């Protein structure tokens, strides 16, 4: 039997500026919450590189994020690696907006 998981409150929509990324920790797991011109997106919180750098420390350029440690880039929307196609894809999570609040759906 599958238990449905309730969405987790991230915070208010206005807490994240367009073109930025914020770290969100839930049950000792980091998630990266991005606000792009096209909306809100969430990925795993750490780059899959050996350094496991928080993506919230990364540069966001359009719909791409570049790890400050390894320099690899990923699509924020799909999670696909861009600079090195051999890398693991970033895990993507659904983010919803409701009444001015953001929710992470795991």
Protein backbone atom coordinates (compact mmCIF):
# COMPACT_ATOMS: atom_id res chain seq x y z
CA UNK A 1 0.00 0.00 0.00
CA UNK A 2 1.34 3.45 -0.96
CA UNK A 3 0.97 6.22 1.56
CA UNK A 4 0.34 9.60 0.06
CA UNK A 5 2.84 12.14 1.38
CA UNK A 6 1.52 15.58 2.23
CA UNK A 7 3.24 18.49 0.47
CA UNK A 8 5.94 20.12 2.61
CA UNK A 9 5.79 23.88 3.16
CA UNK A 10 8.94 25.53 1.78
CA UNK A 11 8.00 29.13 2.53
CA UNK A 12 6.42 32.11 0.89
CA UNK A 13 6.62 32.76 -2.85
CA UNK A 14 8.15 36.19 -2.24
CA UNK A 15 11.03 34.69 -0.22
CA UNK A 16 12.84 33.62 -3.41
CA UNK A 17 13.89 36.14 -6.05
CA UNK A 18 13.61 35.40 -9.78
CA UNK A 19 16.89 33.96 -11.07
CA UNK A 20 18.01 32.62 -7.71
CA UNK A 21 18.27 29.36 -5.81
CA UNK A 22 17.73 28.60 -2.13
CA UNK A 23 18.61 25.53 -0.09
CA UNK A 24 15.74 23.77 1.68
CA UNK A 25 16.43 21.00 4.19
CA UNK A 26 13.81 18.45 5.13
CA UNK A 27 14.52 15.36 7.26
CA UNK A 28 18.29 15.86 6.88
CA UNK A 29 18.06 15.96 3.06
CA UNK A 30 18.95 19.07 1.07
CA UNK A 31 16.83 20.28 -1.83
CA UNK A 32 17.52 23.20 -4.16
CA UNK A 33 14.55 25.47 -4.84
CA UNK A 34 14.91 27.59 -7.98
CA UNK A 35 12.80 30.52 -9.10
CA UNK A 36 13.13 31.10 -12.82
CA UNK A 37 11.19 33.38 -15.15
CA UNK A 38 9.18 30.28 -16.07
CA UNK A 39 8.30 29.34 -12.46
CA UNK A 40 9.54 27.37 -9.48
CA UNK A 41 11.61 24.18 -9.73
CA UNK A 42 13.23 21.82 -7.22
CA UNK A 43 16.17 19.45 -7.59
CA UNK A 44 18.33 17.42 -5.27
CA UNK A 45 20.33 19.74 -3.07
CA UNK A 46 23.84 18.56 -3.87
CA UNK A 47 25.76 18.24 -7.11
CA UNK A 48 26.45 14.58 -7.99
CA UNK A 49 30.18 15.41 -8.24
CA UNK A 50 32.69 14.06 -5.72
CA UNK A 51 32.55 17.30 -3.69
CA UNK A 52 28.73 17.04 -3.26
CA UNK A 53 28.57 20.87 -3.24
CA UNK A 54 25.25 22.47 -2.36
CA UNK A 55 23.61 23.70 -5.55
CA UNK A 56 22.30 26.69 -3.59
CA UNK A 57 25.92 27.97 -3.79
CA UNK A 58 25.89 27.62 -7.58
CA UNK A 59 25.41 30.16 -10.34
CA UNK A 60 22.07 30.16 -12.15
CA UNK A 61 22.13 31.20 -15.80
CA UNK A 62 18.76 31.08 -17.51
CA UNK A 63 17.50 27.52 -16.93
CA UNK A 64 20.94 26.10 -16.12
CA UNK A 65 22.88 25.70 -12.88
CA UNK A 66 26.68 25.44 -12.71
CA UNK A 67 28.35 23.70 -9.77
CA UNK A 68 30.97 26.01 -8.23
CA UNK A 69 33.21 23.03 -7.35
CA UNK A 70 33.32 20.94 -10.52
CA UNK A 71 32.04 23.46 -13.09
CA UNK A 72 29.53 21.05 -14.57
CA UNK A 73 26.19 22.42 -15.71
CA UNK A 74 22.72 20.91 -15.48
CA UNK A 75 19.26 21.78 -16.74
CA UNK A 76 17.17 23.02 -13.81
CA UNK A 77 13.97 22.02 -15.62
CA UNK A 78 14.88 18.45 -16.64
CA UNK A 79 17.88 17.69 -14.41
CA UNK A 80 19.86 16.57 -17.45
CA UNK A 81 23.63 17.14 -17.45
CA UNK A 82 24.72 19.65 -20.09
CA UNK A 83 28.51 19.94 -19.85
CA UNK A 84 29.29 16.23 -19.32
CA UNK A 85 26.67 13.81 -20.59
CA UNK A 86 28.24 10.99 -18.55
CA UNK A 87 27.12 12.59 -15.27
CA UNK A 88 24.07 11.45 -13.34
CA UNK A 89 20.87 13.38 -13.92
CA UNK A 90 19.73 15.61 -11.05
CA UNK A 91 16.64 14.35 -9.26
CA UNK A 92 13.67 16.62 -9.94
CA UNK A 93 10.80 17.30 -7.54
CA UNK A 94 7.46 18.98 -8.05
CA UNK A 95 6.86 22.40 -6.50
CA UNK A 96 3.38 23.87 -6.17
CA UNK A 97 2.14 27.33 -5.28
CA UNK A 98 -0.95 27.89 -3.18
CA UNK A 99 -2.16 31.07 -1.46
CA UNK A 100 1.28 32.71 -1.72
CA UNK A 101 3.09 29.67 -0.29
CA UNK A 102 5.41 27.15 -1.94
CA UNK A 103 5.18 23.41 -1.32
CA UNK A 104 7.60 20.61 -2.13
CA UNK A 105 5.94 17.40 -3.29
CA UNK A 106 8.07 14.32 -2.62
